[in-house]
């Protein structure tokens, strides 16, 4: 694998991060590399990410993992905040809370892939709060599949069951009753769950 040439400032940042220094701010890094603006430091960190030398920990955006060899198959996927869903829906630009680097080989990502950050415990033990849920944008799923839906302007991750004329939203956690979608209620499917990325707090 051919390594892309690095800016001298980027080499210094890599050496700093390899030492595993915790609690360093962008201003601290800017001082270490001899620049006056934290924005300049952030620019070089972004370039290191794009070149595959760094991978950000999605559970802690301030934590960077230095990779032994540059990864060339990274793409950045929009991560949406489910708590921010409103009448305009979930997949709108103002609901993007982060852009997460993922391996195209490991996750098969495409322009139809998106992430949501799970909330609550209704889907435990399979999906926990703050897990990242990878889904494809689509308006229908096969009965029994996990989907991301908008129900009465609220984003939810549920097992979707088509039972005759009824749509049932099932939770894995038994303390939550299943929900039957009424005809009068606002409901639509926005994606099918493809993968779950677990993180510990």
N, C-alpha and C. Protein backbone atom coordinates (compact mmCIF):
# COMPACT_ATOMS: atom_id res chain seq x y z
N UNK A 1 0.85 -1.19 0.00
CA UNK A 1 0.00 0.00 0.00
C UNK A 1 0.88 1.24 0.00
N UNK A 2 0.65 2.14 -0.95
CA UNK A 2 1.43 3.35 -1.04
C UNK A 2 0.92 4.38 -0.06
N UNK A 3 1.81 4.88 0.79
CA UNK A 3 1.42 5.88 1.76
C UNK A 3 1.47 7.27 1.14
N UNK A 4 0.43 8.01 1.38
CA UNK A 4 0.37 9.37 0.87
C UNK A 4 1.30 10.27 1.67
N UNK A 5 1.97 11.19 0.97
CA UNK A 5 2.87 12.11 1.65
C UNK A 5 2.11 13.00 2.62
N UNK A 6 2.71 13.23 3.76
CA UNK A 6 2.07 14.02 4.79
C UNK A 6 2.73 15.38 4.94
N UNK A 7 1.92 16.36 5.24
CA UNK A 7 2.42 17.68 5.60
C UNK A 7 3.22 17.55 6.90
N UNK A 8 4.31 18.31 7.05
CA UNK A 8 5.12 18.21 8.28
C UNK A 8 4.28 18.39 9.56
N UNK A 9 3.29 19.27 9.53
CA UNK A 9 2.45 19.48 10.70
C UNK A 9 1.64 18.22 11.03
N UNK A 10 1.24 17.51 9.96
CA UNK A 10 0.46 16.29 10.15
C UNK A 10 1.30 15.19 10.76
N UNK A 11 2.58 15.14 10.40
CA UNK A 11 3.48 14.15 11.00
C UNK A 11 3.64 14.41 12.50
N UNK A 12 3.71 15.67 12.88
CA UNK A 12 3.84 16.02 14.30
C UNK A 12 2.57 15.62 15.06
N UNK A 13 1.40 15.90 14.45
CA UNK A 13 0.13 15.52 15.09
C UNK A 13 0.05 14.02 15.28
N UNK A 14 0.46 13.25 14.28
CA UNK A 14 0.45 11.79 14.41
C UNK A 14 1.33 11.34 15.57
N UNK A 15 2.50 11.93 15.70
CA UNK A 15 3.40 11.56 16.80
C UNK A 15 2.79 11.91 18.15
N UNK A 16 2.09 13.05 18.21
CA UNK A 16 1.42 13.44 19.47
C UNK A 16 0.35 12.42 19.83
N UNK A 17 -0.48 12.07 18.84
CA UNK A 17 -1.60 11.16 19.11
C UNK A 17 -1.12 9.73 19.37
N UNK A 18 0.01 9.35 18.80
CA UNK A 18 0.55 8.01 19.06
C UNK A 18 0.93 7.84 20.53
N UNK A 19 1.27 8.94 21.18
CA UNK A 19 1.64 8.87 22.59
C UNK A 19 0.43 8.68 23.49
N UNK A 20 -0.77 8.78 22.89
CA UNK A 20 -1.99 8.57 23.67
C UNK A 20 -2.26 9.66 24.68
N UNK A 21 -1.89 10.88 24.34
CA UNK A 21 -2.10 11.99 25.27
C UNK A 21 -3.58 12.30 25.37
N UNK A 22 -4.10 12.23 26.60
CA UNK A 22 -5.53 12.47 26.82
C UNK A 22 -5.75 13.91 27.28
N UNK A 23 -6.92 14.43 26.93
CA UNK A 23 -7.31 15.74 27.42
C UNK A 23 -6.71 16.90 26.67
N UNK A 24 -6.00 16.62 25.57
CA UNK A 24 -5.43 17.72 24.78
C UNK A 24 -6.54 18.37 23.96
N UNK A 25 -6.61 19.68 24.02
CA UNK A 25 -7.58 20.41 23.22
C UNK A 25 -6.96 20.76 21.87
N UNK A 26 -7.81 21.25 20.95
CA UNK A 26 -7.29 21.69 19.66
C UNK A 26 -6.30 22.84 19.83
N UNK A 27 -6.55 23.67 20.84
CA UNK A 27 -5.62 24.78 21.10
C UNK A 27 -4.26 24.23 21.54
N UNK A 28 -4.29 23.18 22.39
CA UNK A 28 -3.03 22.55 22.83
C UNK A 28 -2.26 21.99 21.64
N UNK A 29 -2.99 21.30 20.75
CA UNK A 29 -2.34 20.72 19.57
C UNK A 29 -1.80 21.81 18.67
N UNK A 30 -2.57 22.89 18.53
CA UNK A 30 -2.10 24.02 17.70
C UNK A 30 -0.78 24.56 18.23
N UNK A 31 -0.66 24.69 19.54
CA UNK A 31 0.59 25.18 20.13
C UNK A 31 1.73 24.21 19.89
N UNK A 32 1.43 22.90 19.98
CA UNK A 32 2.47 21.88 19.79
C UNK A 32 3.02 21.89 18.36
N UNK A 33 2.15 22.18 17.39
CA UNK A 33 2.62 22.15 16.00
C UNK A 33 3.02 23.53 15.50
N UNK A 34 2.94 24.53 16.38
CA UNK A 34 3.44 25.86 16.03
C UNK A 34 2.53 26.69 15.16
N UNK A 35 1.21 26.54 15.34
CA UNK A 35 0.27 27.39 14.61
C UNK A 35 -0.57 28.16 15.62
N UNK A 36 -1.12 29.29 15.19
CA UNK A 36 -1.85 30.14 16.13
C UNK A 36 -3.33 29.79 16.26
N UNK A 37 -3.90 29.13 15.25
CA UNK A 37 -5.33 28.88 15.24
C UNK A 37 -5.67 27.40 15.49
N UNK A 38 -6.59 27.11 16.41
CA UNK A 38 -7.08 25.74 16.58
C UNK A 38 -7.73 25.20 15.31
N UNK A 39 -8.29 26.11 14.49
CA UNK A 39 -8.92 25.67 13.24
C UNK A 39 -7.90 25.05 12.29
N UNK A 40 -6.67 25.57 12.33
CA UNK A 40 -5.61 25.00 11.50
C UNK A 40 -5.27 23.59 11.96
N UNK A 41 -5.21 23.40 13.27
CA UNK A 41 -4.96 22.07 13.82
C UNK A 41 -6.08 21.11 13.41
N UNK A 42 -7.32 21.58 13.50
CA UNK A 42 -8.46 20.75 13.14
C UNK A 42 -8.42 20.38 11.66
N UNK A 43 -7.99 21.31 10.81
CA UNK A 43 -7.87 21.04 9.37
C UNK A 43 -6.90 19.88 9.13
N UNK A 44 -5.75 19.93 9.80
CA UNK A 44 -4.75 18.87 9.60
C UNK A 44 -5.25 17.53 10.15
N UNK A 45 -6.00 17.55 11.22
CA UNK A 45 -6.57 16.31 11.75
C UNK A 45 -7.57 15.72 10.75
N UNK A 46 -8.39 16.59 10.17
CA UNK A 46 -9.35 16.14 9.15
C UNK A 46 -8.62 15.51 7.96
N UNK A 47 -7.51 16.13 7.55
CA UNK A 47 -6.74 15.60 6.43
C UNK A 47 -6.16 14.22 6.76
N UNK A 48 -5.72 14.05 8.00
CA UNK A 48 -5.20 12.74 8.43
C UNK A 48 -6.30 11.69 8.41
N UNK A 49 -7.52 12.09 8.78
CA UNK A 49 -8.66 11.17 8.70
C UNK A 49 -8.93 10.78 7.26
N UNK A 50 -8.97 11.77 6.36
CA UNK A 50 -9.28 11.52 4.96
C UNK A 50 -8.23 10.63 4.30
N UNK A 51 -6.98 10.79 4.75
CA UNK A 51 -5.90 9.98 4.18
C UNK A 51 -5.82 8.59 4.82
N UNK A 52 -6.64 8.36 5.85
CA UNK A 52 -6.72 7.03 6.45
C UNK A 52 -5.73 6.75 7.55
N UNK A 53 -5.06 7.80 8.08
CA UNK A 53 -4.09 7.59 9.15
C UNK A 53 -4.75 7.61 10.53
N UNK A 54 -5.92 8.24 10.62
CA UNK A 54 -6.63 8.33 11.89
C UNK A 54 -8.03 7.80 11.71
N UNK A 55 -8.55 7.22 12.79
CA UNK A 55 -9.96 6.83 12.81
C UNK A 55 -10.56 7.37 14.09
N UNK A 56 -11.64 8.11 13.96
CA UNK A 56 -12.29 8.69 15.12
C UNK A 56 -13.17 7.65 15.81
N UNK A 57 -13.14 7.68 17.13
CA UNK A 57 -14.01 6.81 17.92
C UNK A 57 -15.40 7.43 17.92
N UNK A 58 -16.42 6.80 17.26
CA UNK A 58 -17.75 7.40 17.21
C UNK A 58 -18.38 7.60 18.58
N UNK A 59 -17.97 6.79 19.55
CA UNK A 59 -18.53 6.92 20.90
C UNK A 59 -17.92 8.10 21.64
N UNK A 60 -16.76 8.58 21.17
CA UNK A 60 -16.10 9.73 21.78
C UNK A 60 -15.37 10.49 20.68
N UNK A 61 -16.04 11.48 20.07
CA UNK A 61 -15.45 12.18 18.91
C UNK A 61 -14.12 12.85 19.20
N UNK A 62 -13.76 13.04 20.48
CA UNK A 62 -12.48 13.65 20.81
C UNK A 62 -11.34 12.63 20.84
N UNK A 63 -11.68 11.35 20.70
CA UNK A 63 -10.69 10.28 20.81
C UNK A 63 -10.33 9.80 19.40
N UNK A 64 -9.04 9.84 19.06
CA UNK A 64 -8.58 9.42 17.75
C UNK A 64 -7.67 8.20 17.89
N UNK A 65 -7.88 7.24 16.99
CA UNK A 65 -7.06 6.03 16.96
C UNK A 65 -6.09 6.16 15.79
N UNK A 66 -4.80 6.05 16.08
CA UNK A 66 -3.78 6.11 15.02
C UNK A 66 -3.64 4.72 14.42
N UNK A 67 -3.83 4.62 13.11
CA UNK A 67 -3.76 3.34 12.43
C UNK A 67 -2.33 3.04 11.99
N UNK A 68 -1.96 1.77 12.09
CA UNK A 68 -0.60 1.36 11.73
C UNK A 68 -0.32 1.62 10.25
N UNK A 69 -1.30 1.29 9.41
CA UNK A 69 -1.19 1.56 7.98
C UNK A 69 -2.41 2.37 7.55
N UNK A 70 -2.23 3.28 6.60
CA UNK A 70 -3.38 4.08 6.16
C UNK A 70 -4.46 3.21 5.55
N UNK A 71 -5.69 3.52 5.87
CA UNK A 71 -6.83 2.79 5.34
C UNK A 71 -7.40 3.57 4.17
N UNK A 72 -7.51 2.92 3.02
CA UNK A 72 -7.92 3.64 1.82
C UNK A 72 -9.39 3.46 1.48
N UNK A 73 -10.11 2.65 2.27
CA UNK A 73 -11.49 2.36 1.89
C UNK A 73 -12.50 3.05 2.81
N UNK A 74 -12.11 4.18 3.42
CA UNK A 74 -13.01 4.89 4.31
C UNK A 74 -13.95 5.80 3.55
N UNK A 75 -15.17 5.87 4.04
CA UNK A 75 -16.11 6.88 3.57
C UNK A 75 -16.82 7.46 4.78
N UNK A 76 -17.33 8.66 4.65
CA UNK A 76 -17.98 9.33 5.77
C UNK A 76 -19.49 9.25 5.60
N UNK A 77 -20.15 8.76 6.65
CA UNK A 77 -21.60 8.51 6.61
C UNK A 77 -22.29 9.46 7.58
N UNK A 78 -23.39 10.07 7.13
CA UNK A 78 -24.16 10.96 8.01
C UNK A 78 -24.76 10.18 9.18
N UNK A 79 -24.61 10.74 10.37
CA UNK A 79 -25.23 10.18 11.57
C UNK A 79 -26.29 11.16 12.04
N UNK A 80 -27.52 10.67 12.19
CA UNK A 80 -28.65 11.53 12.54
C UNK A 80 -29.04 11.34 14.00
N UNK A 81 -29.46 12.44 14.60
CA UNK A 81 -29.93 12.39 15.98
C UNK A 81 -31.42 12.14 16.01
N UNK A 82 -31.84 11.01 16.55
CA UNK A 82 -33.24 10.63 16.54
C UNK A 82 -34.10 11.57 17.38
N UNK A 83 -33.50 12.18 18.39
CA UNK A 83 -34.27 13.10 19.25
C UNK A 83 -34.66 14.36 18.51
N UNK A 84 -34.00 14.62 17.39
CA UNK A 84 -34.23 15.87 16.67
C UNK A 84 -35.26 15.73 15.54
N UNK A 85 -35.84 14.56 15.43
CA UNK A 85 -36.81 14.35 14.35
C UNK A 85 -38.05 15.21 14.57
N UNK A 86 -38.53 15.83 13.51
CA UNK A 86 -39.71 16.67 13.61
C UNK A 86 -40.60 16.49 12.40
N UNK A 87 -41.50 17.42 12.15
CA UNK A 87 -42.44 17.30 11.03
C UNK A 87 -41.76 17.13 9.68
N UNK A 88 -40.54 17.65 9.53
CA UNK A 88 -39.84 17.52 8.25
C UNK A 88 -39.19 16.15 8.09
N UNK A 89 -39.22 15.36 9.14
CA UNK A 89 -38.65 14.02 9.05
C UNK A 89 -37.27 13.92 9.68
N UNK A 90 -36.70 12.73 9.59
CA UNK A 90 -35.42 12.44 10.22
C UNK A 90 -34.23 12.81 9.35
N UNK A 91 -34.30 12.44 8.06
CA UNK A 91 -33.12 12.53 7.20
C UNK A 91 -33.02 13.89 6.51
N UNK A 92 -32.93 14.93 7.33
CA UNK A 92 -32.71 16.29 6.82
C UNK A 92 -31.40 16.80 7.39
N UNK A 93 -30.79 17.74 6.68
CA UNK A 93 -29.43 18.15 7.00
C UNK A 93 -29.29 18.66 8.43
N UNK A 94 -30.30 19.37 8.93
CA UNK A 94 -30.17 19.93 10.28
C UNK A 94 -30.18 18.86 11.38
N UNK A 95 -30.56 17.64 11.03
CA UNK A 95 -30.56 16.55 12.02
C UNK A 95 -29.25 15.78 12.04
N UNK A 96 -28.31 16.12 11.15
CA UNK A 96 -27.00 15.44 11.14
C UNK A 96 -26.20 15.90 12.36
N UNK A 97 -25.85 14.95 13.22
CA UNK A 97 -25.09 15.29 14.42
C UNK A 97 -23.60 14.98 14.27
N UNK A 98 -23.25 14.18 13.26
CA UNK A 98 -21.84 13.86 13.04
C UNK A 98 -21.71 13.18 11.69
N UNK A 99 -20.48 13.10 11.21
CA UNK A 99 -20.16 12.29 10.03
C UNK A 99 -19.12 11.28 10.46
N UNK A 100 -19.49 10.00 10.37
CA UNK A 100 -18.69 8.92 10.94
C UNK A 100 -17.93 8.19 9.83
N UNK A 101 -16.60 8.02 9.99
CA UNK A 101 -15.84 7.26 8.99
C UNK A 101 -16.07 5.75 9.14
N UNK A 102 -16.45 5.10 8.05
CA UNK A 102 -16.68 3.66 8.05
C UNK A 102 -15.94 3.02 6.88
N UNK A 103 -15.58 1.76 7.06
CA UNK A 103 -14.91 1.01 6.00
C UNK A 103 -15.93 0.55 4.97
N UNK A 104 -15.70 0.89 3.71
CA UNK A 104 -16.62 0.45 2.66
C UNK A 104 -16.56 -1.07 2.48
N UNK A 105 -15.41 -1.68 2.76
CA UNK A 105 -15.28 -3.13 2.63
C UNK A 105 -16.02 -3.85 3.77
N UNK A 106 -15.88 -3.32 4.98
CA UNK A 106 -16.49 -3.99 6.13
C UNK A 106 -18.00 -3.81 6.18
N UNK A 107 -18.48 -2.61 5.78
CA UNK A 107 -19.90 -2.30 5.94
C UNK A 107 -20.66 -2.19 4.61
N UNK A 108 -19.95 -2.24 3.49
CA UNK A 108 -20.62 -2.15 2.21
C UNK A 108 -21.40 -0.87 2.02
N UNK A 109 -20.84 0.23 2.49
CA UNK A 109 -21.59 1.48 2.49
C UNK A 109 -21.74 2.06 1.09
N UNK A 110 -22.83 2.81 0.90
CA UNK A 110 -23.12 3.47 -0.36
C UNK A 110 -23.80 4.80 -0.05
N UNK A 111 -24.21 5.50 -1.10
CA UNK A 111 -24.86 6.78 -0.86
C UNK A 111 -26.27 6.63 -0.29
N UNK A 112 -26.75 5.39 -0.17
CA UNK A 112 -28.06 5.13 0.41
C UNK A 112 -27.97 4.71 1.88
N UNK A 113 -26.76 4.72 2.43
CA UNK A 113 -26.55 4.29 3.81
C UNK A 113 -26.55 5.51 4.73
N UNK A 114 -27.11 5.34 5.92
CA UNK A 114 -27.05 6.37 6.94
C UNK A 114 -26.97 5.72 8.31
N UNK A 115 -26.62 6.52 9.31
CA UNK A 115 -26.53 6.06 10.69
C UNK A 115 -27.49 6.84 11.56
N UNK A 116 -28.02 6.18 12.59
CA UNK A 116 -28.75 6.88 13.63
C UNK A 116 -28.17 6.45 14.97
N UNK A 117 -28.18 7.35 15.92
CA UNK A 117 -27.70 7.06 17.26
C UNK A 117 -28.89 6.61 18.10
N UNK A 118 -28.86 5.37 18.58
CA UNK A 118 -30.00 4.79 19.30
C UNK A 118 -30.26 5.51 20.61
N UNK A 119 -31.54 5.59 20.95
CA UNK A 119 -31.97 6.20 22.21
C UNK A 119 -32.80 5.21 23.00
N UNK A 120 -32.66 5.27 24.33
CA UNK A 120 -33.52 4.47 25.20
C UNK A 120 -33.16 2.99 25.22
N UNK A 121 -34.00 2.20 25.89
CA UNK A 121 -33.70 0.78 26.09
C UNK A 121 -34.77 -0.14 25.51
N UNK A 122 -35.64 0.37 24.64
CA UNK A 122 -36.75 -0.44 24.15
C UNK A 122 -36.30 -1.60 23.27
N UNK A 123 -35.09 -1.52 22.69
CA UNK A 123 -34.62 -2.58 21.79
C UNK A 123 -33.52 -3.44 22.41
N UNK A 124 -33.32 -3.28 23.72
CA UNK A 124 -32.38 -4.18 24.40
C UNK A 124 -32.98 -5.58 24.46
N UNK A 125 -32.17 -6.64 24.39
CA UNK A 125 -30.70 -6.65 24.51
C UNK A 125 -29.95 -6.57 23.17
N UNK A 126 -30.64 -6.30 22.08
CA UNK A 126 -29.94 -6.26 20.79
C UNK A 126 -29.34 -4.89 20.50
N UNK A 127 -30.08 -3.83 20.82
CA UNK A 127 -29.61 -2.48 20.56
C UNK A 127 -29.66 -1.69 21.86
N UNK A 128 -28.55 -1.08 22.22
CA UNK A 128 -28.46 -0.32 23.46
C UNK A 128 -28.38 1.17 23.15
N UNK A 129 -28.70 1.97 24.15
CA UNK A 129 -28.63 3.42 23.98
C UNK A 129 -27.21 3.83 23.57
N UNK A 130 -27.13 4.74 22.62
CA UNK A 130 -25.89 5.28 22.05
C UNK A 130 -25.21 4.35 21.05
N UNK A 131 -25.75 3.14 20.83
CA UNK A 131 -25.25 2.33 19.72
C UNK A 131 -25.51 3.08 18.41
N UNK A 132 -24.66 2.82 17.43
CA UNK A 132 -24.89 3.38 16.10
C UNK A 132 -25.56 2.32 15.23
N UNK A 133 -26.68 2.68 14.63
CA UNK A 133 -27.46 1.75 13.83
C UNK A 133 -27.31 2.14 12.36
N UNK A 134 -26.77 1.23 11.58
CA UNK A 134 -26.53 1.46 10.16
C UNK A 134 -27.73 0.97 9.36
N UNK A 135 -28.25 1.82 8.49
CA UNK A 135 -29.46 1.47 7.75
C UNK A 135 -29.36 1.94 6.31
N UNK A 136 -30.18 1.32 5.45
CA UNK A 136 -30.30 1.77 4.06
C UNK A 136 -31.58 2.58 3.92
N UNK A 137 -31.53 3.62 3.12
CA UNK A 137 -32.72 4.44 2.88
C UNK A 137 -33.70 3.65 2.01
N UNK A 138 -34.85 3.36 2.55
CA UNK A 138 -35.90 2.70 1.77
C UNK A 138 -37.24 2.88 2.47
N UNK A 139 -38.30 2.83 1.69
CA UNK A 139 -39.62 3.15 2.21
C UNK A 139 -40.45 1.91 2.52
N UNK A 140 -39.86 0.74 2.38
CA UNK A 140 -40.58 -0.49 2.69
C UNK A 140 -39.59 -1.53 3.17
N UNK A 141 -40.05 -2.47 3.98
CA UNK A 141 -39.22 -3.58 4.45
C UNK A 141 -40.07 -4.85 4.44
N UNK A 142 -39.41 -5.98 4.49
CA UNK A 142 -40.10 -7.26 4.61
C UNK A 142 -40.60 -7.41 6.04
N UNK A 143 -41.78 -7.98 6.20
CA UNK A 143 -42.34 -8.20 7.54
C UNK A 143 -41.35 -8.98 8.40
N UNK A 144 -41.14 -8.52 9.62
CA UNK A 144 -40.22 -9.17 10.54
C UNK A 144 -38.84 -8.55 10.57
N UNK A 145 -38.59 -7.58 9.68
CA UNK A 145 -37.29 -6.92 9.64
C UNK A 145 -37.24 -5.73 10.60
N UNK A 146 -36.01 -5.39 11.00
CA UNK A 146 -35.82 -4.18 11.80
C UNK A 146 -35.82 -2.97 10.87
N UNK A 147 -36.55 -1.96 11.25
CA UNK A 147 -36.61 -0.77 10.43
C UNK A 147 -36.53 0.49 11.27
N UNK A 148 -36.25 1.58 10.60
CA UNK A 148 -36.30 2.90 11.23
C UNK A 148 -37.53 3.59 10.66
N UNK A 149 -38.41 4.01 11.55
CA UNK A 149 -39.69 4.56 11.12
C UNK A 149 -39.92 5.92 11.76
N UNK A 150 -40.82 6.68 11.15
CA UNK A 150 -41.34 7.90 11.75
C UNK A 150 -42.79 7.60 12.13
N UNK A 151 -43.09 7.68 13.41
CA UNK A 151 -44.43 7.38 13.92
C UNK A 151 -44.89 8.57 14.75
N UNK A 152 -45.91 9.27 14.23
CA UNK A 152 -46.38 10.49 14.89
C UNK A 152 -45.23 11.47 15.13
N UNK A 153 -44.44 11.67 14.09
CA UNK A 153 -43.31 12.62 14.09
C UNK A 153 -42.21 12.23 15.08
N UNK A 154 -42.16 10.97 15.48
CA UNK A 154 -41.11 10.48 16.37
C UNK A 154 -40.33 9.38 15.66
N UNK A 155 -39.00 9.49 15.65
CA UNK A 155 -38.18 8.46 15.03
C UNK A 155 -38.03 7.28 15.98
N UNK A 156 -38.20 6.06 15.43
CA UNK A 156 -38.12 4.85 16.25
C UNK A 156 -37.39 3.76 15.48
N UNK A 157 -36.71 2.89 16.23
CA UNK A 157 -36.14 1.67 15.67
C UNK A 157 -37.00 0.53 16.19
N UNK A 158 -37.64 -0.22 15.29
CA UNK A 158 -38.57 -1.26 15.70
C UNK A 158 -38.52 -2.45 14.74
N UNK A 159 -38.96 -3.59 15.24
CA UNK A 159 -39.23 -4.73 14.38
C UNK A 159 -40.61 -4.50 13.78
N UNK A 160 -40.70 -4.51 12.46
CA UNK A 160 -41.94 -4.15 11.78
C UNK A 160 -42.66 -5.42 11.32
N UNK A 161 -43.89 -5.58 11.78
CA UNK A 161 -44.70 -6.75 11.43
C UNK A 161 -45.93 -6.28 10.65
N UNK A 162 -46.13 -6.87 9.47
CA UNK A 162 -47.35 -6.61 8.71
C UNK A 162 -48.32 -7.74 8.99
N UNK A 163 -49.35 -7.42 9.75
CA UNK A 163 -50.35 -8.43 10.16
C UNK A 163 -51.69 -8.08 9.53
N UNK A 164 -51.93 -8.61 8.35
CA UNK A 164 -53.15 -8.28 7.64
C UNK A 164 -53.17 -6.81 7.27
N UNK A 165 -54.19 -6.10 7.74
CA UNK A 165 -54.30 -4.67 7.46
C UNK A 165 -53.57 -3.83 8.49
N UNK A 166 -52.97 -4.48 9.47
CA UNK A 166 -52.34 -3.75 10.56
C UNK A 166 -50.81 -3.76 10.43
N UNK A 167 -50.20 -2.71 10.95
CA UNK A 167 -48.75 -2.64 11.07
C UNK A 167 -48.43 -2.61 12.56
N UNK A 168 -47.62 -3.58 12.99
CA UNK A 168 -47.27 -3.69 14.40
C UNK A 168 -45.80 -3.35 14.58
N UNK A 169 -45.50 -2.49 15.53
CA UNK A 169 -44.12 -2.11 15.85
C UNK A 169 -43.73 -2.82 17.14
N UNK A 170 -42.77 -3.73 17.04
CA UNK A 170 -42.38 -4.55 18.19
C UNK A 170 -41.06 -4.07 18.78
N UNK A 171 -41.00 -4.07 20.11
CA UNK A 171 -39.77 -3.81 20.86
C UNK A 171 -39.21 -5.13 21.32
N UNK A 172 -37.88 -5.22 21.49
CA UNK A 172 -37.28 -6.43 22.03
C UNK A 172 -37.38 -6.48 23.55
N UNK A 173 -37.37 -5.32 24.18
CA UNK A 173 -37.47 -5.26 25.63
C UNK A 173 -38.92 -5.55 26.04
N UNK A 174 -39.15 -6.62 26.80
CA UNK A 174 -40.52 -7.03 27.13
C UNK A 174 -41.31 -6.02 27.97
N UNK A 175 -40.64 -5.05 28.56
CA UNK A 175 -41.38 -4.09 29.37
C UNK A 175 -42.11 -3.05 28.52
N UNK A 176 -41.84 -3.06 27.20
CA UNK A 176 -42.51 -2.14 26.30
C UNK A 176 -43.55 -2.90 25.47
N UNK A 177 -44.82 -2.50 25.51
CA UNK A 177 -45.85 -3.18 24.72
C UNK A 177 -45.68 -2.90 23.24
N UNK A 178 -46.15 -3.85 22.42
CA UNK A 178 -46.13 -3.62 20.98
C UNK A 178 -47.10 -2.49 20.63
N UNK A 179 -46.80 -1.77 19.55
CA UNK A 179 -47.65 -0.67 19.12
C UNK A 179 -48.32 -1.04 17.80
N UNK A 180 -49.61 -0.85 17.73
CA UNK A 180 -50.35 -1.04 16.48
C UNK A 180 -50.58 0.34 15.87
N UNK A 181 -50.10 0.51 14.65
CA UNK A 181 -50.22 1.80 13.98
C UNK A 181 -51.67 1.99 13.51
N UNK A 182 -52.28 3.07 13.93
CA UNK A 182 -53.64 3.38 13.52
C UNK A 182 -53.64 4.15 12.20
N UNK A 183 -54.73 3.98 11.45
CA UNK A 183 -54.82 4.64 10.15
C UNK A 183 -54.72 6.15 10.26
N UNK A 184 -55.19 6.69 11.38
CA UNK A 184 -55.20 8.14 11.56
C UNK A 184 -53.83 8.70 11.95
N UNK A 185 -52.89 7.80 12.25
CA UNK A 185 -51.58 8.25 12.73
C UNK A 185 -50.60 8.47 11.59
N UNK A 186 -49.68 9.43 11.82
CA UNK A 186 -48.61 9.67 10.87
C UNK A 186 -47.59 8.54 10.97
N UNK A 187 -47.32 7.86 9.85
CA UNK A 187 -46.38 6.74 9.88
C UNK A 187 -45.75 6.57 8.50
N UNK A 188 -44.42 6.40 8.49
CA UNK A 188 -43.74 5.95 7.29
C UNK A 188 -42.38 5.37 7.64
N UNK A 189 -41.93 4.49 6.79
CA UNK A 189 -40.64 3.83 6.97
C UNK A 189 -39.57 4.65 6.26
N UNK A 190 -38.42 4.83 6.91
CA UNK A 190 -37.34 5.59 6.27
C UNK A 190 -36.12 4.72 5.98
N UNK A 191 -36.03 3.53 6.61
CA UNK A 191 -34.86 2.70 6.34
C UNK A 191 -34.96 1.32 6.96
N UNK A 192 -34.13 0.41 6.45
CA UNK A 192 -34.02 -0.94 7.00
C UNK A 192 -32.67 -1.09 7.68
N UNK A 193 -32.67 -1.61 8.89
CA UNK A 193 -31.44 -1.78 9.66
C UNK A 193 -30.57 -2.87 9.04
N UNK A 194 -29.29 -2.56 8.84
CA UNK A 194 -28.36 -3.50 8.24
C UNK A 194 -27.25 -3.93 9.20
N UNK A 195 -26.92 -3.08 10.14
CA UNK A 195 -25.82 -3.41 11.05
C UNK A 195 -25.95 -2.58 12.31
N UNK A 196 -25.38 -3.07 13.40
CA UNK A 196 -25.41 -2.36 14.67
C UNK A 196 -23.97 -2.28 15.19
N UNK A 197 -23.54 -1.07 15.51
CA UNK A 197 -22.20 -0.86 16.03
C UNK A 197 -22.32 -0.55 17.51
N UNK A 198 -21.87 -1.49 18.34
CA UNK A 198 -22.03 -1.36 19.79
C UNK A 198 -20.86 -0.59 20.38
N UNK A 199 -21.18 0.23 21.38
CA UNK A 199 -20.16 0.96 22.12
C UNK A 199 -20.48 0.90 23.61
N UNK A 200 -19.43 0.80 24.40
CA UNK A 200 -19.62 0.84 25.84
C UNK A 200 -19.35 2.25 26.33
N UNK A 201 -20.09 2.67 27.34
CA UNK A 201 -19.92 4.03 27.87
C UNK A 201 -18.73 4.10 28.79
